[in-house]
């Protein structure tokens, strides 16, 4: 696992110890960033279910100015912090150990909104739909922003999340992994 492009290109990232996380492959990560724009001028990224922090770190490396990383698993939090330090990005990041839904409620309370949100939870549709609904209801995605959801290909997500959040692309990679790309108008 490595940073593919940007200021931290080529840096190897640590994986979360154990079998509790499922890192996004380099191929899937490269496809994600080719679709949403390979580089950014600035902006805020939320890496929910952060795992190793690879997606948020990739966004920071490509120009996002600040990242928020959330995971409930202690070893994942330690791995995110270590990877941010490896890339010298710790000053651009906030890392929280929390349940995703509770973290979304706290971010809403802080009136935070993001240009880019990565949602890569364990493949459970009920939890995924609850989190997506909270992102939409809480106005956590900025106008012009992207929500990228990695999910099992058998999970059928809606094309429209709200009046202003619509899926503009769906892509599968194998019999298990799919990406849904949403944008907010």
C-alpha atoms as a PDB file:
ATOM      1  CA  UNK A   1       0.000   0.000   0.000  1.00  0.00           C
ATOM      2  CA  UNK A   2       1.463   3.315  -1.073  1.00  0.00           C
ATOM      3  CA  UNK A   3       0.610   6.914  -1.925  1.00  0.00           C
ATOM      4  CA  UNK A   4       0.095   6.964  -5.689  1.00  0.00           C
ATOM      5  CA  UNK A   5       0.530  10.645  -6.549  1.00  0.00           C
ATOM      6  CA  UNK A   6       1.145  14.156  -5.279  1.00  0.00           C
ATOM      7  CA  UNK A   7       3.527  15.506  -2.664  1.00  0.00           C
ATOM      8  CA  UNK A   8       3.847  12.131  -0.900  1.00  0.00           C
ATOM      9  CA  UNK A   9       4.045  10.020  -4.067  1.00  0.00           C
ATOM     10  CA  UNK A  10       5.699   6.655  -3.516  1.00  0.00           C
ATOM     11  CA  UNK A  11       5.559   6.670   0.287  1.00  0.00           C
ATOM     12  CA  UNK A  12       4.703   3.252   1.664  1.00  0.00           C
ATOM     13  CA  UNK A  13       1.896   3.262   4.192  1.00  0.00           C
ATOM     14  CA  UNK A  14       1.545   0.897   7.110  1.00  0.00           C
ATOM     15  CA  UNK A  15      -1.388  -1.486   7.181  1.00  0.00           C
ATOM     16  CA  UNK A  16      -3.619  -1.897  10.202  1.00  0.00           C
ATOM     17  CA  UNK A  17      -2.526  -5.004  12.121  1.00  0.00           C
ATOM     18  CA  UNK A  18      -4.956  -7.920  12.169  1.00  0.00           C
ATOM     19  CA  UNK A  19      -7.833  -8.878   9.924  1.00  0.00           C
ATOM     20  CA  UNK A  20     -10.355  -6.197  10.943  1.00  0.00           C
ATOM     21  CA  UNK A  21      -9.721  -3.872   8.008  1.00  0.00           C
ATOM     22  CA  UNK A  22      -9.879  -4.271   4.251  1.00  0.00           C
ATOM     23  CA  UNK A  23      -7.532  -1.751   2.585  1.00  0.00           C
ATOM     24  CA  UNK A  24      -8.542  -0.216  -0.734  1.00  0.00           C
ATOM     25  CA  UNK A  25      -6.298  -1.593  -3.459  1.00  0.00           C
ATOM     26  CA  UNK A  26      -4.023   0.741  -5.429  1.00  0.00           C
ATOM     27  CA  UNK A  27      -6.015  -0.032  -8.593  1.00  0.00           C
ATOM     28  CA  UNK A  28      -9.312   0.998  -6.986  1.00  0.00           C
ATOM     29  CA  UNK A  29      -7.705   4.087  -5.394  1.00  0.00           C
ATOM     30  CA  UNK A  30      -6.190   5.171  -8.712  1.00  0.00           C
ATOM     31  CA  UNK A  31      -9.555   4.791 -10.450  1.00  0.00           C
ATOM     32  CA  UNK A  32     -11.270   6.841  -7.723  1.00  0.00           C
ATOM     33  CA  UNK A  33      -8.922   9.772  -8.133  1.00  0.00           C
ATOM     34  CA  UNK A  34      -8.969   9.630 -11.932  1.00  0.00           C
ATOM     35  CA  UNK A  35     -12.755  10.024 -11.794  1.00  0.00           C
ATOM     36  CA  UNK A  36     -13.060  12.781  -9.181  1.00  0.00           C
ATOM     37  CA  UNK A  37     -10.104  14.770 -10.466  1.00  0.00           C
ATOM     38  CA  UNK A  38      -6.531  13.749  -9.954  1.00  0.00           C
ATOM     39  CA  UNK A  39      -5.459  16.884  -8.048  1.00  0.00           C
ATOM     40  CA  UNK A  40      -7.101  19.518  -5.859  1.00  0.00           C
ATOM     41  CA  UNK A  41      -6.440  23.220  -5.281  1.00  0.00           C
ATOM     42  CA  UNK A  42      -7.608  23.051  -1.665  1.00  0.00           C
ATOM     43  CA  UNK A  43     -10.547  21.722   0.325  1.00  0.00           C
ATOM     44  CA  UNK A  44     -11.538  19.462   3.177  1.00  0.00           C
ATOM     45  CA  UNK A  45     -11.662  15.666   3.073  1.00  0.00           C
ATOM     46  CA  UNK A  46     -13.419  13.255   5.441  1.00  0.00           C
ATOM     47  CA  UNK A  47     -12.107   9.688   5.563  1.00  0.00           C
ATOM     48  CA  UNK A  48     -14.854   7.877   7.468  1.00  0.00           C
ATOM     49  CA  UNK A  49     -13.956   4.294   8.441  1.00  0.00           C
ATOM     50  CA  UNK A  50     -10.364   5.456   7.956  1.00  0.00           C
ATOM     51  CA  UNK A  51      -8.573   2.116   8.400  1.00  0.00           C
ATOM     52  CA  UNK A  52      -4.964   2.959   7.533  1.00  0.00           C
ATOM     53  CA  UNK A  53      -5.953   6.465   6.377  1.00  0.00           C
ATOM     54  CA  UNK A  54      -4.835   5.700   2.824  1.00  0.00           C
ATOM     55  CA  UNK A  55      -7.715   7.453   1.027  1.00  0.00           C
ATOM     56  CA  UNK A  56      -7.572  10.650   3.054  1.00  0.00           C
ATOM     57  CA  UNK A  57      -3.774  10.732   2.883  1.00  0.00           C
ATOM     58  CA  UNK A  58      -3.943  10.332  -0.893  1.00  0.00           C
ATOM     59  CA  UNK A  59      -6.338  13.311  -1.052  1.00  0.00           C
ATOM     60  CA  UNK A  60      -4.025  15.430   1.126  1.00  0.00           C
ATOM     61  CA  UNK A  61      -1.051  14.428  -1.014  1.00  0.00           C
ATOM     62  CA  UNK A  62      -3.007  15.585  -4.081  1.00  0.00           C
ATOM     63  CA  UNK A  63      -3.801  19.034  -2.693  1.00  0.00           C
ATOM     64  CA  UNK A  64      -6.604  18.905  -0.130  1.00  0.00           C
ATOM     65  CA  UNK A  65      -5.670  21.292   2.671  1.00  0.00           C
ATOM     66  CA  UNK A  66      -7.218  19.484   5.659  1.00  0.00           C
ATOM     67  CA  UNK A  67      -8.408  15.980   6.469  1.00  0.00           C
ATOM     68  CA  UNK A  68     -10.568  14.455   9.163  1.00  0.00           C
ATOM     69  CA  UNK A  69     -10.023  10.743   9.804  1.00  0.00           C
ATOM     70  CA  UNK A  70     -12.474   8.608  11.792  1.00  0.00           C
ATOM     71  CA  UNK A  71     -12.303   4.981  12.892  1.00  0.00           C
ATOM     72  CA  UNK A  72     -13.623   3.135  15.929  1.00  0.00           C
ATOM     73  CA  UNK A  73     -10.800   0.565  16.055  1.00  0.00           C
ATOM     74  CA  UNK A  74      -7.853   1.558  18.267  1.00  0.00           C
ATOM     75  CA  UNK A  75      -5.103  -0.040  16.143  1.00  0.00           C
ATOM     76  CA  UNK A  76      -6.519   1.739  13.061  1.00  0.00           C
ATOM     77  CA  UNK A  77      -6.268   5.105  14.834  1.00  0.00           C
ATOM     78  CA  UNK A  78      -2.633   4.422  15.733  1.00  0.00           C
ATOM     79  CA  UNK A  79      -1.924   3.371  12.124  1.00  0.00           C
ATOM     80  CA  UNK A  80      -3.557   6.530  10.720  1.00  0.00           C
ATOM     81  CA  UNK A  81      -1.442   8.692  13.037  1.00  0.00           C
ATOM     82  CA  UNK A  82       1.748   6.813  12.075  1.00  0.00           C
ATOM     83  CA  UNK A  83       0.967   7.120   8.344  1.00  0.00           C
ATOM     84  CA  UNK A  84       0.236  10.836   8.641  1.00  0.00           C
ATOM     85  CA  UNK A  85       3.589  11.242  10.370  1.00  0.00           C
ATOM     86  CA  UNK A  86       5.359   9.172   7.675  1.00  0.00           C
ATOM     87  CA  UNK A  87       3.982  11.619   5.105  1.00  0.00           C
ATOM     88  CA  UNK A  88       4.540  14.692   7.296  1.00  0.00           C
ATOM     89  CA  UNK A  89       0.822  15.521   7.075  1.00  0.00           C
ATOM     90  CA  UNK A  90      -0.091  15.425  10.776  1.00  0.00           C
ATOM     91  CA  UNK A  91      -0.531  19.230  10.907  1.00  0.00           C
ATOM     92  CA  UNK A  92      -3.211  18.990   8.211  1.00  0.00           C
ATOM     93  CA  UNK A  93      -5.250  16.305   9.951  1.00  0.00           C
ATOM     94  CA  UNK A  94      -7.623  15.618  12.807  1.00  0.00           C
ATOM     95  CA  UNK A  95      -7.957  11.983  13.880  1.00  0.00           C
ATOM     96  CA  UNK A  96     -10.896  10.734  15.945  1.00  0.00           C
ATOM     97  CA  UNK A  97     -11.610   7.377  17.514  1.00  0.00           C
ATOM     98  CA  UNK A  98     -15.363   7.164  17.303  1.00  0.00           C
ATOM     99  CA  UNK A  99     -18.282   5.279  15.820  1.00  0.00           C
ATOM    100  CA  UNK A 100     -18.961   6.652  12.317  1.00  0.00           C
ATOM    101  CA  UNK A 101     -22.536   7.745  12.995  1.00  0.00           C
ATOM    102  CA  UNK A 102     -21.621   9.509  16.247  1.00  0.00           C
ATOM    103  CA  UNK A 103     -18.695  11.185  14.476  1.00  0.00           C
ATOM    104  CA  UNK A 104     -21.039  12.435  11.724  1.00  0.00           C
ATOM    105  CA  UNK A 105     -23.359  13.898  14.369  1.00  0.00           C
ATOM    106  CA  UNK A 106     -20.386  15.625  16.058  1.00  0.00           C
ATOM    107  CA  UNK A 107     -19.156  17.028  12.728  1.00  0.00           C
ATOM    108  CA  UNK A 108     -22.661  18.314  11.993  1.00  0.00           C
ATOM    109  CA  UNK A 109     -22.741  19.990  15.417  1.00  0.00           C
ATOM    110  CA  UNK A 110     -19.405  21.678  14.584  1.00  0.00           C
ATOM    111  CA  UNK A 111     -21.037  22.837  11.303  1.00  0.00           C
ATOM    112  CA  UNK A 112     -18.310  21.207   9.242  1.00  0.00           C
ATOM    113  CA  UNK A 113     -18.772  20.486   5.556  1.00  0.00           C
ATOM    114  CA  UNK A 114     -16.464  18.614   3.206  1.00  0.00           C
ATOM    115  CA  UNK A 115     -15.454  18.820  -0.435  1.00  0.00           C
ATOM    116  CA  UNK A 116     -14.721  15.101  -0.508  1.00  0.00           C
ATOM    117  CA  UNK A 117     -16.050  12.277   1.668  1.00  0.00           C
ATOM    118  CA  UNK A 118     -14.825   8.689   1.488  1.00  0.00           C
ATOM    119  CA  UNK A 119     -17.211   6.117   2.881  1.00  0.00           C
ATOM    120  CA  UNK A 120     -15.699   2.642   2.987  1.00  0.00           C
ATOM    121  CA  UNK A 121     -17.469   0.778   5.790  1.00  0.00           C
ATOM    122  CA  UNK A 122     -17.693  -2.921   6.412  1.00  0.00           C
ATOM    123  CA  UNK A 123     -20.000  -4.175   3.707  1.00  0.00           C
ATOM    124  CA  UNK A 124     -23.345  -3.802   5.525  1.00  0.00           C
ATOM    125  CA  UNK A 125     -26.050  -1.951   3.611  1.00  0.00           C
ATOM    126  CA  UNK A 126     -28.098  -0.884   6.637  1.00  0.00           C
ATOM    127  CA  UNK A 127     -25.154   0.889   8.250  1.00  0.00           C
ATOM    128  CA  UNK A 128     -24.116   2.356   4.921  1.00  0.00           C
ATOM    129  CA  UNK A 129     -27.556   3.835   4.226  1.00  0.00           C
ATOM    130  CA  UNK A 130     -27.766   5.249   7.777  1.00  0.00           C
ATOM    131  CA  UNK A 131     -24.412   7.010   7.347  1.00  0.00           C
ATOM    132  CA  UNK A 132     -25.276   8.290   3.866  1.00  0.00           C
ATOM    133  CA  UNK A 133     -28.573   9.674   5.174  1.00  0.00           C
ATOM    134  CA  UNK A 134     -26.740  11.464   8.012  1.00  0.00           C
ATOM    135  CA  UNK A 135     -24.238  12.979   5.547  1.00  0.00           C
ATOM    136  CA  UNK A 136     -27.136  14.282   3.460  1.00  0.00           C
ATOM    137  CA  UNK A 137     -29.354  15.463   6.363  1.00  0.00           C
ATOM    138  CA  UNK A 138     -26.436  17.033   8.205  1.00  0.00           C
ATOM    139  CA  UNK A 139     -25.306  19.003   5.157  1.00  0.00           C
ATOM    140  CA  UNK A 140     -21.821  17.537   5.567  1.00  0.00           C
ATOM    141  CA  UNK A 141     -21.123  17.549   1.805  1.00  0.00           C
ATOM    142  CA  UNK A 142     -20.440  20.956   0.240  1.00  0.00           C
ATOM    143  CA  UNK A 143     -22.058  22.044  -2.990  1.00  0.00           C
ATOM    144  CA  UNK A 144     -19.817  20.784  -5.796  1.00  0.00           C
ATOM    145  CA  UNK A 145     -18.420  18.115  -3.465  1.00  0.00           C
ATOM    146  CA  UNK A 146     -18.011  14.385  -4.001  1.00  0.00           C
ATOM    147  CA  UNK A 147     -19.086  11.390  -1.923  1.00  0.00           C
ATOM    148  CA  UNK A 148     -17.262   8.198  -2.903  1.00  0.00           C
ATOM    149  CA  UNK A 149     -18.727   4.983  -1.506  1.00  0.00           C
ATOM    150  CA  UNK A 150     -16.867   1.676  -1.707  1.00  0.00           C
ATOM    151  CA  UNK A 151     -19.292  -1.204  -1.216  1.00  0.00           C
ATOM    152  CA  UNK A 152     -20.042  -4.804  -2.092  1.00  0.00           C
ATOM    153  CA  UNK A 153     -21.279  -5.103  -5.653  1.00  0.00           C
ATOM    154  CA  UNK A 154     -24.469  -6.839  -4.516  1.00  0.00           C
ATOM    155  CA  UNK A 155     -25.418  -3.749  -2.481  1.00  0.00           C
ATOM    156  CA  UNK A 156     -27.778  -1.665  -4.591  1.00  0.00           C
ATOM    157  CA  UNK A 157     -27.456   2.000  -3.623  1.00  0.00           C
ATOM    158  CA  UNK A 158     -29.950   4.583  -4.897  1.00  0.00           C
ATOM    159  CA  UNK A 159     -29.112   6.914  -7.782  1.00  0.00           C
ATOM    160  CA  UNK A 160     -30.498   9.876  -5.838  1.00  0.00           C
ATOM    161  CA  UNK A 161     -29.682  10.486  -2.154  1.00  0.00           C
ATOM    162  CA  UNK A 162     -31.481  13.824  -1.910  1.00  0.00           C
ATOM    163  CA  UNK A 163     -32.710  16.572  -4.207  1.00  0.00           C
ATOM    164  CA  UNK A 164     -29.130  17.770  -4.603  1.00  0.00           C
ATOM    165  CA  UNK A 165     -26.999  14.601  -4.242  1.00  0.00           C
ATOM    166  CA  UNK A 166     -26.987  12.279  -7.261  1.00  0.00           C
ATOM    167  CA  UNK A 167     -24.906   9.324  -8.350  1.00  0.00           C
ATOM    168  CA  UNK A 168     -23.001  10.171 -11.511  1.00  0.00           C
ATOM    169  CA  UNK A 169     -20.991   6.981 -11.874  1.00  0.00           C
ATOM    170  CA  UNK A 170     -20.998   3.359 -10.755  1.00  0.00           C
ATOM    171  CA  UNK A 171     -18.071   1.034 -11.322  1.00  0.00           C
ATOM    172  CA  UNK A 172     -17.346  -2.558 -10.370  1.00  0.00           C
ATOM    173  CA  UNK A 173     -13.873  -4.066 -10.066  1.00  0.00           C
ATOM    174  CA  UNK A 174     -14.467  -7.725  -9.392  1.00  0.00           C
ATOM    175  CA  UNK A 175     -17.193  -9.874  -7.956  1.00  0.00           C
ATOM    176  CA  UNK A 176     -16.896  -8.163  -4.581  1.00  0.00           C
ATOM    177  CA  UNK A 177     -16.009  -4.465  -4.921  1.00  0.00           C
ATOM    178  CA  UNK A 178     -17.976  -1.586  -6.405  1.00  0.00           C
ATOM    179  CA  UNK A 179     -17.715   2.189  -6.235  1.00  0.00           C
ATOM    180  CA  UNK A 180     -20.601   4.650  -6.289  1.00  0.00           C
ATOM    181  CA  UNK A 181     -19.673   8.262  -7.043  1.00  0.00           C
ATOM    182  CA  UNK A 182     -22.055  10.986  -5.921  1.00  0.00           C
ATOM    183  CA  UNK A 183     -21.879  14.742  -6.396  1.00  0.00           C
ATOM    184  CA  UNK A 184     -23.819  17.554  -4.789  1.00  0.00           C
ATOM    185  CA  UNK A 185     -25.213  20.314  -6.976  1.00  0.00           C
END
